[in-house]
Amino acid sequence: TMAARRKAREARRQRRTRCCRWCCIRLAVVALGSVFSSVLLVLSHMESVQHGKSFAVSHAGSVHHAKKEPEVFEKTARKPVTSLLRGSIEKDDDRPPRHATGERYVPPPQEEVKNDLPSLQEIVSTLRNFLDEVHRAFGRAKRKTREEVWAAYVAVAETHLLPFERRVHKSKRPVRDDGSIFVSIAAYRDHMLANTLTELFTHAAKPESIIAGVVQQNCVVKCKTGVQVVSKPGEPVRTKVSDAPPDADGVAEFCASAVGQPHCRAGRVRVLRVNETESLGPAFARYLASKLWLGEQFYVQIDAHMWAREAWDDELRSEMTATPSYPRSVMSAYPPGPSNGWQSMAPSGKLCSGTFSTSPVEAHIFRLGGGGGGRNIAAPAPEPPRSIFVGAGFFTAHSSFLQVAPFDPFLPFVFMGEEIMLTTRFYTNGFDVYSPRVNFFAHQYRPGRLGLPKFWESQDRAFGSGGSNTRFMLMIVDRVKHMVGYESPVKNPDVLNHVSDKDGPNYGLGSHRSLQEFLQFAGLDMVAMTARSPSWCARNDYPPN
């Protein structure tokens, strides 16, 4: 019996010993794991300090998107960070001068300001939140008057956008002097976007200096074609709108290609994805694209269906710096079509004049003439010739213009009037307009019979009635017409609010030269609505002082 009790006590002692050993081992493992995690955290923090505010951006673009997109990286000094920034994903709910002195302009030294520059992450997040809130507000205003729709837009902008705009204005992001080029591309359901990106990078002499800022406005569910002409020649015109597959993701296509992958991973493509139901027209899309600029020296605006000449970037830098008023200069022309030999053709799209539309649907707005009104620039000259107007399909300028004439976010639904507004704002802010001596780009001109989608068709569906976008545009375009000197009455005085802000940017005219000086310079009579082409422009002479 005694032996049995001793044996039982020994067995219990051994069990306690084994239990203690197991507990000690587990505690040791936990302690080592904590130490290892702490080391990783410190290393991660050190890496994030080295990278600063750089980050990977692959935004879902709309809360209505339901598929993932590939990473698009912002450039870093070291190996790119690969964290992702994504929007929430929900089910689609069907809502809708040469100067008077002749001297080269020397910019004043930039004041030292507190570094409160928003990161690309903050910019994308702010724009994304704004678009989401506008979409919700328009859903609630679906059956409202155009004045109520405008009031809903402004209310969201005052809450979600104007504080951001004031911060951007006060931070005064410096313009680098490194030859870098930012290319703004607003793409609306464009099947040629991937090709345009490929052209930009493959034909650049220094592709590492090119940044593409893309606003990709695509349909992903319940898509429609544009208005297609289905009648035969000689028959009464018949049209239809058909169901369509989801739009191709041009950025994803480019970034997945052998050509595009290294540029995307190096951060040379910045993208804001927008659902087509949130598209508010080209003027607003170009505002969004301008916010993706992060200090590059030159700013280029093009369409999403373009071809580029060989070494276009070197040619562009050379032409811009050859202008007498650089950096207070802007260069623009209508690019040629992509015919054989377009690179060697003499430029013919000089923008010397235009006409006033006689259509009330187009608000009698001034439109640049097709072909530009200027003759071919046949001979290499000591410097690029002076011109008058700025075209929206292609212009380039020193990026300092963004500080004095930033893009206006209060132009939703607007298509007509963009070019006369750009021209007037550049001129009154002291920028001289030049025409390039070479064709940097070729452009696909798209007649209506192609049946490609248009943004106003999306808005008509979103608001549930045909002509909705036109109703809104005819009211809001008064903001442009009032700015450039039309004397016609303003339908809704509220559209003239937020043109200038003592605490923020000026979306109106500059103070360097007056509106009257511009109208005389350009040969425009805004009362009689007539235009003449100044003879000096067509002759490639200098304008009279």
Protein backbone atom coordinates (compact mmCIF):
# COMPACT_ATOMS: atom_id res chain seq x y z
CA THR A 1 0.00 0.00 0.00
CA MET A 2 2.79 2.45 0.94
CA ALA A 3 4.54 1.64 -2.30
CA ALA A 4 1.35 2.37 -4.26
CA ARG A 5 0.95 5.77 -2.53
CA ARG A 6 4.59 6.70 -3.27
CA LYS A 7 4.08 5.71 -6.90
CA ALA A 8 0.95 7.88 -7.19
CA ARG A 9 2.75 10.91 -5.61
CA GLU A 10 5.64 10.49 -8.08
CA ALA A 11 3.23 10.32 -11.00
CA ARG A 12 1.52 13.56 -9.87
CA ARG A 13 4.93 15.30 -9.48
CA GLN A 14 5.94 14.29 -13.00
CA ARG A 15 2.67 15.61 -14.43
CA ARG A 16 3.20 18.98 -12.67
CA THR A 17 6.76 19.11 -13.99
CA ARG A 18 5.65 18.43 -17.57
CA CYS A 19 2.90 21.06 -17.26
CA CYS A 20 5.34 23.70 -16.00
CA ARG A 21 7.78 22.94 -18.78
CA TRP A 22 5.02 23.30 -21.41
CA CYS A 23 3.86 26.62 -19.94
CA CYS A 24 7.42 27.93 -19.88
CA ILE A 25 7.92 26.96 -23.51
CA ARG A 26 4.69 28.70 -24.57
CA LEU A 27 5.61 31.86 -22.65
CA ALA A 28 9.01 31.89 -24.31
CA VAL A 29 7.46 31.56 -27.77
CA VAL A 30 5.02 34.43 -27.07
CA ALA A 31 7.83 36.62 -25.78
CA LEU A 32 9.99 35.94 -28.83
CA GLY A 33 7.02 36.70 -31.12
CA SER A 34 6.45 40.05 -29.42
CA VAL A 35 10.11 40.98 -29.79
CA PHE A 36 10.06 39.98 -33.46
CA SER A 37 6.89 42.03 -34.11
CA SER A 38 8.45 45.06 -32.43
CA VAL A 39 11.52 44.78 -34.62
CA LEU A 40 9.35 44.58 -37.75
CA LEU A 41 7.35 47.63 -36.64
CA VAL A 42 10.52 49.68 -36.15
CA LEU A 43 11.88 48.62 -39.53
CA SER A 44 8.53 49.43 -41.19
CA HIS A 45 8.53 52.88 -39.59
CA MET A 46 12.09 53.53 -40.77
CA GLU A 47 11.11 52.51 -44.31
CA SER A 48 8.04 54.79 -44.28
CA VAL A 49 10.20 57.73 -43.19
CA GLN A 50 12.56 57.07 -46.09
CA HIS A 51 9.68 57.04 -48.54
CA GLY A 52 7.95 60.11 -47.10
CA LYS A 53 4.41 60.43 -48.40
CA SER A 54 4.83 58.19 -51.39
CA PHE A 55 2.36 55.38 -51.68
CA ALA A 56 0.73 53.03 -54.11
CA VAL A 57 -2.56 54.19 -55.56
CA SER A 58 -5.10 51.84 -57.08
CA HIS A 59 -8.40 53.53 -56.46
CA ALA A 60 -11.68 51.76 -57.11
CA GLY A 61 -12.78 55.12 -58.50
CA SER A 62 -16.43 54.82 -57.57
CA VAL A 63 -18.32 53.28 -54.74
CA HIS A 64 -20.30 51.54 -57.47
CA HIS A 65 -17.37 49.64 -58.93
CA ALA A 66 -17.25 45.98 -58.13
CA LYS A 67 -13.96 44.82 -59.63
CA LYS A 68 -10.40 45.31 -58.50
CA GLU A 69 -7.89 47.34 -60.45
CA PRO A 70 -4.13 46.87 -60.83
CA GLU A 71 -1.66 48.78 -58.71
CA VAL A 72 -0.49 52.13 -60.09
CA PHE A 73 2.47 53.43 -58.17
CA GLU A 74 3.65 56.90 -57.38
CA LYS A 75 7.39 57.35 -57.95
CA THR A 76 9.67 57.08 -54.91
CA ALA A 77 13.36 57.68 -54.41
CA ARG A 78 13.81 54.05 -53.42
CA LYS A 79 11.96 50.84 -54.15
CA PRO A 80 8.20 51.63 -54.41
CA VAL A 81 5.98 50.94 -51.42
CA THR A 82 3.25 48.48 -52.34
CA SER A 83 0.40 49.28 -49.98
CA LEU A 84 -2.96 49.90 -51.63
CA LEU A 85 -5.47 52.71 -51.33
CA ARG A 86 -8.93 51.56 -52.36
CA GLY A 87 -12.40 52.98 -52.23
CA SER A 88 -15.30 51.12 -50.68
CA ILE A 89 -17.12 48.76 -53.01
CA GLU A 90 -20.89 48.68 -53.08
CA LYS A 91 -23.50 47.39 -55.45
CA ASP A 92 -24.39 49.75 -58.29
CA ASP A 93 -27.69 51.43 -57.55
CA ASP A 94 -28.30 53.03 -60.98
CA ARG A 95 -28.17 56.64 -59.61
CA PRO A 96 -27.29 58.90 -61.47
CA PRO A 97 3.47 89.20 -73.31
CA ARG A 98 5.88 89.27 -75.89
CA HIS A 99 5.22 91.91 -73.06
CA ALA A 100 4.81 95.58 -73.80
CA THR A 101 8.39 96.18 -72.69
CA GLY A 102 9.70 93.39 -74.92
CA GLU A 103 11.59 91.97 -71.97
CA ARG A 104 11.59 88.35 -70.86
CA TYR A 105 9.38 87.80 -67.87
CA VAL A 106 11.28 86.93 -64.69
CA PRO A 107 9.03 85.37 -62.04
CA PRO A 108 9.36 86.79 -58.52
CA PRO A 109 11.02 84.55 -55.95
CA GLN A 110 8.54 82.23 -54.29
CA GLU A 111 7.75 83.02 -50.71
CA GLU A 112 8.68 80.41 -48.17
CA VAL A 113 5.48 78.87 -46.85
CA LYS A 114 4.64 76.22 -44.36
CA ASN A 115 4.82 72.79 -46.00
CA ASP A 116 1.17 71.77 -45.90
CA LEU A 117 1.16 70.15 -49.33
CA PRO A 118 -1.54 67.49 -49.67
CA SER A 119 -0.26 64.07 -50.66
CA LEU A 120 -1.58 62.21 -53.68
CA GLN A 121 -3.46 59.95 -51.26
CA GLU A 122 -5.24 62.94 -49.70
CA ILE A 123 -6.00 64.44 -53.11
CA VAL A 124 -7.57 61.26 -54.48
CA SER A 125 -9.51 60.67 -51.26
CA THR A 126 -10.87 64.24 -51.23
CA LEU A 127 -11.97 64.13 -54.87
CA ARG A 128 -13.47 60.69 -54.39
CA ASN A 129 -15.50 61.82 -51.37
CA PHE A 130 -16.67 64.89 -53.24
CA LEU A 131 -17.84 62.87 -56.25
CA ASP A 132 -19.67 60.41 -54.00
CA GLU A 133 -21.49 63.21 -52.19
CA VAL A 134 -22.42 64.98 -55.43
CA HIS A 135 -23.79 61.70 -56.79
CA ARG A 136 -25.98 61.27 -53.70
CA ALA A 137 -27.13 64.90 -53.83
CA PHE A 138 -28.09 64.59 -57.50
CA GLY A 139 -29.98 61.40 -56.70
CA ARG A 140 -32.09 63.38 -54.22
CA ALA A 141 -32.52 66.25 -56.73
CA LYS A 142 -33.48 64.01 -59.64
CA ARG A 143 -36.87 65.62 -60.20
CA LYS A 144 -35.87 69.13 -59.11
CA THR A 145 -35.43 72.32 -61.12
CA ARG A 146 -32.06 73.21 -62.57
CA GLU A 147 -31.67 75.93 -59.94
CA GLU A 148 -32.17 73.34 -57.21
CA VAL A 149 -29.69 70.98 -58.88
CA TRP A 150 -27.11 73.79 -58.97
CA ALA A 151 -27.77 74.63 -55.32
CA ALA A 152 -27.25 70.97 -54.40
CA TYR A 153 -23.91 70.91 -56.24
CA VAL A 154 -22.70 74.12 -54.62
CA ALA A 155 -23.68 72.94 -51.14
CA VAL A 156 -21.55 69.81 -51.53
CA ALA A 157 -18.66 71.83 -53.02
CA GLU A 158 -18.69 74.29 -50.14
CA THR A 159 -18.49 71.45 -47.64
CA HIS A 160 -16.16 68.97 -49.33
CA LEU A 161 -14.16 70.88 -51.95
CA LEU A 162 -13.61 74.54 -51.10
CA PRO A 163 -11.64 73.86 -47.88
CA PHE A 164 -9.36 71.58 -49.90
CA GLU A 165 -9.02 74.20 -52.67
CA ARG A 166 -8.04 76.86 -50.13
CA ARG A 167 -5.47 74.56 -48.60
CA VAL A 168 -3.96 73.78 -52.02
CA HIS A 169 -3.86 77.50 -52.85
CA LYS A 170 -2.16 78.47 -49.60
CA SER A 171 0.38 75.64 -49.74
CA LYS A 172 1.76 76.93 -53.09
CA ARG A 173 3.29 73.71 -54.32
CA PRO A 174 6.61 74.70 -55.96
CA VAL A 175 7.21 74.10 -59.66
CA ARG A 176 10.32 72.02 -60.26
CA ASP A 177 13.00 73.00 -62.78
CA ASP A 178 13.95 69.50 -63.94
CA GLY A 179 12.31 69.26 -67.37
CA SER A 180 9.50 67.04 -66.05
CA ILE A 181 6.20 67.02 -67.97
CA PHE A 182 2.73 66.38 -66.55
CA VAL A 183 0.22 65.22 -69.18
CA SER A 184 -3.44 65.76 -68.26
CA ILE A 185 -5.80 63.24 -69.89
CA ALA A 186 -9.56 63.29 -69.29
CA ALA A 187 -10.91 60.07 -70.82
CA TYR A 188 -14.64 59.48 -71.17
CA ARG A 189 -15.34 55.83 -72.06
CA ASP A 190 -12.43 56.02 -74.48
CA HIS A 191 -11.26 52.81 -76.15
CA MET A 192 -8.04 54.52 -77.29
CA LEU A 193 -6.72 55.47 -73.85
CA ALA A 194 -4.23 52.59 -73.64
CA ASN A 195 -2.90 53.47 -77.10
CA THR A 196 -2.51 57.13 -76.11
CA LEU A 197 -0.52 56.19 -73.01
CA THR A 198 1.64 53.86 -75.08
CA GLU A 199 2.32 56.64 -77.59
CA LEU A 200 3.31 59.09 -74.84
CA PHE A 201 5.90 56.84 -73.25
CA THR A 202 7.29 54.91 -76.22
CA HIS A 203 7.91 58.06 -78.28
CA ALA A 204 9.32 60.19 -75.45
CA ALA A 205 13.05 60.83 -75.54
CA LYS A 206 13.08 60.88 -71.73
CA PRO A 207 10.12 58.74 -70.62
CA GLU A 208 11.35 58.81 -67.03
CA SER A 209 10.43 62.52 -66.93
CA ILE A 210 6.82 62.00 -68.10
CA ILE A 211 3.87 61.79 -65.70
CA ALA A 212 0.39 60.97 -67.00
CA GLY A 213 -2.51 62.20 -64.88
CA VAL A 214 -5.58 60.28 -66.03
CA VAL A 215 -9.22 60.79 -65.11
CA GLN A 216 -10.78 57.59 -66.43
CA GLN A 217 -14.57 57.82 -66.66
CA ASN A 218 -15.87 54.35 -67.49
CA CYS A 219 -19.07 52.34 -67.44
CA VAL A 220 -18.81 49.00 -65.65
CA VAL A 221 -22.43 47.79 -65.42
CA LYS A 222 -25.61 48.30 -67.46
CA CYS A 223 -23.73 50.10 -70.20
CA LYS A 224 -25.15 51.69 -73.35
CA THR A 225 -23.69 52.73 -76.67
CA GLY A 226 -23.87 56.26 -77.92
CA VAL A 227 -26.54 57.33 -80.39
CA GLN A 228 -25.93 55.14 -83.45
CA VAL A 229 -27.10 56.08 -86.94
CA VAL A 230 -28.67 52.91 -88.38
CA SER A 231 -30.29 54.30 -91.54
CA LYS A 232 -28.68 53.82 -94.93
CA PRO A 233 -27.47 56.74 -97.07
CA GLY A 234 -30.40 58.48 -98.71
CA GLU A 235 -32.91 57.22 -96.14
CA PRO A 236 -34.47 59.33 -93.40
CA VAL A 237 -32.11 59.39 -90.46
CA ARG A 238 -32.83 56.65 -87.95
CA THR A 239 -30.88 56.19 -84.73
CA LYS A 240 -30.80 53.80 -81.81
CA VAL A 241 -29.04 53.22 -78.51
CA SER A 242 -28.02 49.63 -77.74
CA ASP A 243 -26.76 47.69 -74.77
CA ALA A 244 -22.97 47.57 -74.57
CA PRO A 245 -20.35 45.56 -72.67
CA PRO A 246 -18.39 47.22 -69.85
CA ASP A 247 -15.76 49.67 -71.04
CA ALA A 248 -12.17 48.52 -71.40
CA ASP A 249 -9.92 49.75 -68.59
CA GLY A 250 -7.29 51.59 -70.60
CA VAL A 251 -5.03 52.25 -67.62
CA ALA A 252 -5.11 48.59 -66.56
CA GLU A 253 -4.46 47.50 -70.14
CA PHE A 254 -1.45 49.80 -70.42
CA CYS A 255 -0.06 48.87 -67.01
CA ALA A 256 -0.33 45.16 -67.81
CA SER A 257 1.59 45.53 -71.07
CA ALA A 258 5.34 45.05 -71.42
CA VAL A 259 5.64 48.72 -72.39
CA GLY A 260 3.51 50.10 -69.59
CA GLN A 261 4.39 47.94 -66.61
CA PRO A 262 7.74 49.60 -65.74
CA HIS A 263 6.23 53.09 -66.03
CA CYS A 264 3.25 52.25 -63.85
CA ARG A 265 5.45 50.63 -61.21
CA ALA A 266 7.73 53.68 -61.27
CA GLY A 267 4.76 55.92 -60.50
CA ARG A 268 4.47 57.64 -63.88
CA VAL A 269 0.73 57.03 -64.21
CA ARG A 270 -1.62 58.64 -61.68
CA VAL A 271 -5.26 57.76 -62.06
CA LEU A 272 -8.59 58.83 -60.66
CA ARG A 273 -11.34 56.40 -61.66
CA VAL A 274 -14.83 57.83 -62.05
CA ASN A 275 -18.04 55.97 -62.83
CA GLU A 276 -19.72 57.26 -65.99
CA THR A 277 -22.83 58.18 -63.96
CA GLU A 278 -20.62 60.65 -62.05
CA SER A 279 -19.14 62.25 -65.20
CA LEU A 280 -19.86 65.97 -65.31
CA GLY A 281 -18.35 67.00 -68.62
CA PRO A 282 -14.88 67.75 -70.00
CA ALA A 283 -14.35 71.06 -68.22
CA PHE A 284 -14.91 69.42 -64.84
CA ALA A 285 -12.91 66.30 -65.76
CA ARG A 286 -9.94 68.51 -66.65
CA TYR A 287 -10.26 70.20 -63.29
CA LEU A 288 -10.00 66.77 -61.65
CA ALA A 289 -6.96 65.86 -63.77
CA SER A 290 -5.20 69.09 -62.80
CA LYS A 291 -5.34 68.02 -59.15
CA LEU A 292 -3.09 65.04 -59.94
CA TRP A 293 -0.25 67.46 -60.76
CA LEU A 294 2.52 67.35 -58.14
CA GLY A 295 5.04 69.99 -59.19
CA GLU A 296 6.16 68.94 -62.69
CA GLN A 297 7.75 71.78 -64.71
CA PHE A 298 5.55 71.65 -67.82
CA TYR A 299 1.81 71.06 -68.02
CA VAL A 300 0.33 69.44 -71.15
CA GLN A 301 -3.38 68.89 -71.77
CA ILE A 302 -4.46 66.44 -74.47
CA ASP A 303 -7.40 64.22 -75.34
CA ALA A 304 -7.42 60.46 -74.78
CA HIS A 305 -7.26 59.60 -78.50
CA MET A 306 -3.89 60.89 -79.64
CA TRP A 307 -0.62 59.85 -81.29
CA ALA A 308 2.78 61.32 -80.39
CA ARG A 309 5.74 62.24 -82.62
CA GLU A 310 9.17 60.80 -81.98
CA ALA A 311 11.00 62.66 -79.16
CA TRP A 312 7.93 64.84 -78.65
CA ASP A 313 9.02 65.76 -75.14
CA ASP A 314 12.40 67.17 -76.23
CA GLU A 315 10.69 69.12 -79.03
CA LEU A 316 8.14 70.50 -76.59
CA ARG A 317 10.76 71.64 -74.07
CA SER A 318 12.75 73.27 -76.86
CA GLU A 319 9.75 75.09 -78.31
CA MET A 320 8.51 76.32 -74.95
CA THR A 321 11.85 77.69 -73.77
CA ALA A 322 12.34 79.41 -77.16
CA THR A 323 9.29 81.63 -76.61
CA PRO A 324 10.30 85.20 -75.67
CA SER A 325 7.90 85.42 -72.71
CA TYR A 326 8.79 82.03 -71.17
CA PRO A 327 7.78 80.98 -68.53
CA ARG A 328 4.78 83.27 -69.02
CA SER A 329 3.84 81.50 -72.24
CA VAL A 330 1.31 78.95 -73.45
CA MET A 331 1.46 77.00 -76.71
CA SER A 332 -1.56 75.58 -78.49
CA ALA A 333 -2.88 74.44 -81.87
CA TYR A 334 -5.39 72.01 -83.33
CA PRO A 335 -3.37 68.83 -83.97
CA PRO A 336 -3.63 67.20 -87.41
CA GLY A 337 -5.37 63.91 -88.03
CA PRO A 338 -3.28 60.73 -88.08
CA SER A 339 -2.67 60.67 -91.83
CA ASN A 340 0.56 59.31 -93.26
CA GLY A 341 3.42 61.72 -92.74
CA TRP A 342 1.68 63.87 -90.13
CA GLN A 343 4.93 64.23 -88.17
CA SER A 344 6.69 65.92 -91.08
CA MET A 345 3.72 68.07 -92.15
CA ALA A 346 3.87 71.80 -91.50
CA PRO A 347 1.45 72.67 -88.65
CA SER A 348 -1.79 74.12 -90.00
CA GLY A 349 -3.94 74.34 -86.88
CA LYS A 350 -2.91 77.82 -85.74
CA LEU A 351 -5.73 79.34 -83.69
CA CYS A 352 -6.30 82.85 -85.03
CA SER A 353 -10.08 83.22 -85.06
CA GLY A 354 -13.45 81.58 -84.74
CA THR A 355 -17.18 82.20 -84.95
CA PHE A 356 -20.11 82.77 -82.66
CA SER A 357 -22.52 79.85 -82.71
CA THR A 358 -25.96 80.70 -84.03
CA SER A 359 -27.54 77.78 -82.17
CA PRO A 360 -29.45 78.60 -79.00
CA VAL A 361 -28.68 75.04 -77.81
CA GLU A 362 -25.01 76.06 -77.82
CA ALA A 363 -25.79 79.31 -75.96
CA HIS A 364 -24.37 81.38 -78.88
CA ILE A 365 -20.92 80.64 -77.47
CA PHE A 366 -17.73 81.59 -79.32
CA ARG A 367 -16.15 78.56 -81.01
CA LEU A 368 -12.70 78.31 -82.48
CA GLY A 369 -12.77 77.71 -86.22
CA GLY A 370 -12.00 74.25 -87.59
CA GLY A 371 -8.49 74.36 -88.98
CA GLY A 372 -7.67 77.30 -86.74
CA GLY A 373 -7.89 80.16 -89.21
CA GLY A 374 -4.12 80.40 -89.64
CA ARG A 375 -1.93 79.36 -92.53
CA ASN A 376 0.73 76.64 -92.50
CA ILE A 377 3.87 77.53 -90.61
CA ALA A 378 6.25 76.63 -93.38
CA ALA A 379 9.66 77.93 -92.36
CA PRO A 380 11.71 77.33 -89.23
CA ALA A 381 11.76 80.67 -87.45
CA PRO A 382 14.03 81.98 -84.68
CA GLU A 383 11.17 81.45 -82.26
CA PRO A 384 7.62 80.05 -82.30
CA PRO A 385 5.09 82.46 -83.85
CA ARG A 386 2.57 84.31 -81.74
CA SER A 387 -1.05 83.15 -81.83
CA ILE A 388 -4.30 84.18 -80.12
CA PHE A 389 -6.46 81.33 -78.85
CA VAL A 390 -5.94 78.26 -76.68
CA GLY A 391 -7.51 74.97 -77.75
CA ALA A 392 -8.65 72.49 -75.11
CA GLY A 393 -7.57 69.43 -77.13
CA PHE A 394 -3.91 70.40 -76.88
CA PHE A 395 -2.05 73.09 -75.02
CA THR A 396 1.12 73.26 -72.99
CA ALA A 397 2.36 75.85 -70.52
CA HIS A 398 4.79 76.32 -67.69
CA SER A 399 3.01 74.86 -64.69
CA SER A 400 3.18 78.14 -62.77
CA PHE A 401 -0.13 79.05 -64.44
CA LEU A 402 -1.88 76.70 -62.00
CA GLN A 403 -1.07 79.10 -59.18
CA VAL A 404 -2.68 82.13 -60.84
CA ALA A 405 -5.32 80.57 -63.12
CA PRO A 406 -6.31 77.20 -61.63
CA PHE A 407 -9.04 75.13 -63.24
CA ASP A 408 -12.56 76.04 -62.12
CA PRO A 409 -14.50 73.29 -60.28
CA PHE A 410 -17.78 75.19 -60.69
CA LEU A 411 -18.34 74.20 -64.33
CA PRO A 412 -20.22 70.88 -64.18
CA PHE A 413 -22.17 69.90 -67.32
CA VAL A 414 -20.22 72.46 -69.41
CA PHE A 415 -18.72 71.60 -72.79
CA MET A 416 -19.11 74.72 -74.95
CA GLY A 417 -17.10 77.77 -73.87
CA GLU A 418 -14.09 75.97 -72.45
CA GLU A 419 -11.64 77.38 -75.04
CA ILE A 420 -12.63 81.05 -74.94
CA MET A 421 -12.51 80.86 -71.14
CA LEU A 422 -9.02 79.32 -71.13
CA THR A 423 -7.76 81.93 -73.60
CA THR A 424 -9.16 84.91 -71.70
CA ARG A 425 -7.81 83.74 -68.37
CA PHE A 426 -4.35 83.08 -69.79
CA TYR A 427 -4.24 86.49 -71.50
CA THR A 428 -5.42 88.53 -68.50
CA ASN A 429 -2.88 86.73 -66.31
CA GLY A 430 -0.07 87.88 -68.60
CA PHE A 431 0.54 84.72 -70.63
CA ASP A 432 1.30 85.06 -74.35
CA VAL A 433 -0.02 82.40 -76.72
CA TYR A 434 2.25 80.76 -79.30
CA SER A 435 1.78 78.20 -82.04
CA PRO A 436 4.22 75.27 -82.28
CA ARG A 437 6.49 74.91 -85.32
CA VAL A 438 6.11 71.13 -85.29
CA ASN A 439 3.21 68.76 -84.73
CA PHE A 440 3.73 67.22 -81.30
CA PHE A 441 0.57 65.10 -81.52
CA ALA A 442 -2.03 63.82 -83.96
CA HIS A 443 -5.69 63.64 -82.98
CA GLN A 444 -8.55 61.32 -83.91
CA TYR A 445 -11.41 63.61 -84.94
CA ARG A 446 -14.69 61.83 -84.25
CA PRO A 447 -17.84 62.60 -86.27
CA GLY A 448 -21.15 61.93 -84.57
CA ARG A 449 -22.01 59.06 -86.93
CA LEU A 450 -19.48 56.85 -85.11
CA GLY A 451 -22.03 56.47 -82.32
CA LEU A 452 -19.49 56.82 -79.51
CA PRO A 453 -20.88 57.57 -76.04
CA LYS A 454 -21.18 61.19 -74.90
CA PHE A 455 -21.21 62.40 -71.32
CA TRP A 456 -24.51 64.25 -71.70
CA GLU A 457 -26.21 60.96 -72.58
CA SER A 458 -25.11 59.59 -69.20
CA GLN A 459 -26.51 62.64 -67.42
CA ASP A 460 -29.80 62.45 -69.32
CA ARG A 461 -30.20 58.84 -68.15
CA ALA A 462 -29.11 59.70 -64.62
CA PHE A 463 -31.70 62.48 -64.29
CA GLY A 464 -34.36 60.48 -66.07
CA SER A 465 -35.15 62.82 -68.95
CA GLY A 466 -33.68 63.70 -72.32
CA GLY A 467 -32.09 67.12 -72.55
CA SER A 468 -31.31 67.33 -68.81
CA ASN A 469 -27.64 68.13 -69.38
CA THR A 470 -28.51 70.84 -71.91
CA ARG A 471 -30.90 72.49 -69.44
CA PHE A 472 -28.18 72.59 -66.79
CA MET A 473 -25.47 73.69 -69.23
CA LEU A 474 -27.52 76.62 -70.60
CA MET A 475 -27.73 78.01 -67.08
CA ILE A 476 -24.19 77.28 -65.85
CA VAL A 477 -22.42 78.44 -69.04
CA ASP A 478 -23.49 81.97 -68.07
CA ARG A 479 -20.55 81.79 -65.64
CA VAL A 480 -18.24 81.60 -68.66
CA LYS A 481 -20.16 84.11 -70.78
CA HIS A 482 -20.24 86.70 -68.01
CA MET A 483 -16.49 86.26 -67.47
CA VAL A 484 -15.55 86.81 -71.13
CA GLY A 485 -17.76 89.84 -71.73
CA TYR A 486 -21.17 88.72 -73.02
CA GLU A 487 -23.88 91.24 -72.19
CA SER A 488 -26.76 88.77 -72.25
CA PRO A 489 -28.64 88.46 -68.94
CA VAL A 490 -27.54 85.81 -66.46
CA LYS A 491 -30.33 83.28 -65.91
CA ASN A 492 -29.33 82.42 -62.35
CA PRO A 493 -27.04 84.93 -60.57
CA ASP A 494 -25.96 82.19 -58.15
CA VAL A 495 -23.74 80.67 -60.86
CA LEU A 496 -21.47 83.71 -60.48
CA ASN A 497 -20.61 82.90 -56.87
CA HIS A 498 -17.20 81.57 -55.87
CA VAL A 499 -15.40 83.13 -58.83
CA SER A 500 -12.82 84.67 -56.52
CA ASP A 501 -12.04 83.96 -52.90
CA LYS A 502 -9.85 86.16 -50.72
CA ASP A 503 -8.75 83.04 -48.84
CA GLY A 504 -8.46 80.80 -51.88
CA PRO A 505 -7.90 80.59 -55.62
CA ASN A 506 -9.17 82.95 -58.30
CA TYR A 507 -11.24 81.19 -60.96
CA GLY A 508 -11.86 84.41 -62.85
CA LEU A 509 -9.77 86.83 -64.88
CA GLY A 510 -6.32 88.05 -63.94
CA SER A 511 -5.16 91.60 -63.30
CA HIS A 512 -2.10 91.70 -65.58
CA ARG A 513 -4.13 92.78 -68.64
CA SER A 514 -7.77 93.77 -68.99
CA LEU A 515 -10.65 91.98 -70.67
CA GLN A 516 -11.11 94.93 -73.03
CA GLU A 517 -7.48 94.66 -74.11
CA PHE A 518 -8.03 91.00 -74.90
CA LEU A 519 -11.19 91.59 -76.95
CA GLN A 520 -9.41 94.24 -79.02
CA PHE A 521 -6.34 92.01 -79.40
CA ALA A 522 -8.46 89.04 -80.55
CA GLY A 523 -10.84 91.01 -82.78
CA LEU A 524 -13.99 90.09 -80.84
CA ASP A 525 -17.14 92.19 -80.45
CA MET A 526 -19.19 90.59 -77.67
CA VAL A 527 -22.19 92.90 -78.23
CA ALA A 528 -22.58 92.34 -81.97
CA MET A 529 -21.17 88.79 -81.56
CA THR A 530 -18.79 89.14 -84.47
CA ALA A 531 -15.20 88.04 -84.88
CA ARG A 532 -12.44 89.07 -87.26
CA SER A 533 -9.10 87.34 -87.73
CA PRO A 534 -6.26 89.80 -87.06
CA SER A 535 -4.04 89.85 -90.15
CA TRP A 536 -0.79 89.67 -88.18
CA CYS A 537 -1.75 86.22 -86.85
CA ALA A 538 -2.36 84.66 -90.26
CA ARG A 539 0.91 86.17 -91.54
CA ASN A 540 2.89 84.79 -88.57
CA ASP A 541 3.90 88.33 -87.63
CA TYR A 542 4.15 89.84 -84.18
CA PRO A 543 1.01 91.52 -82.82
CA PRO A 544 1.09 95.31 -82.66
CA ASN A 545 2.06 96.66 -79.26
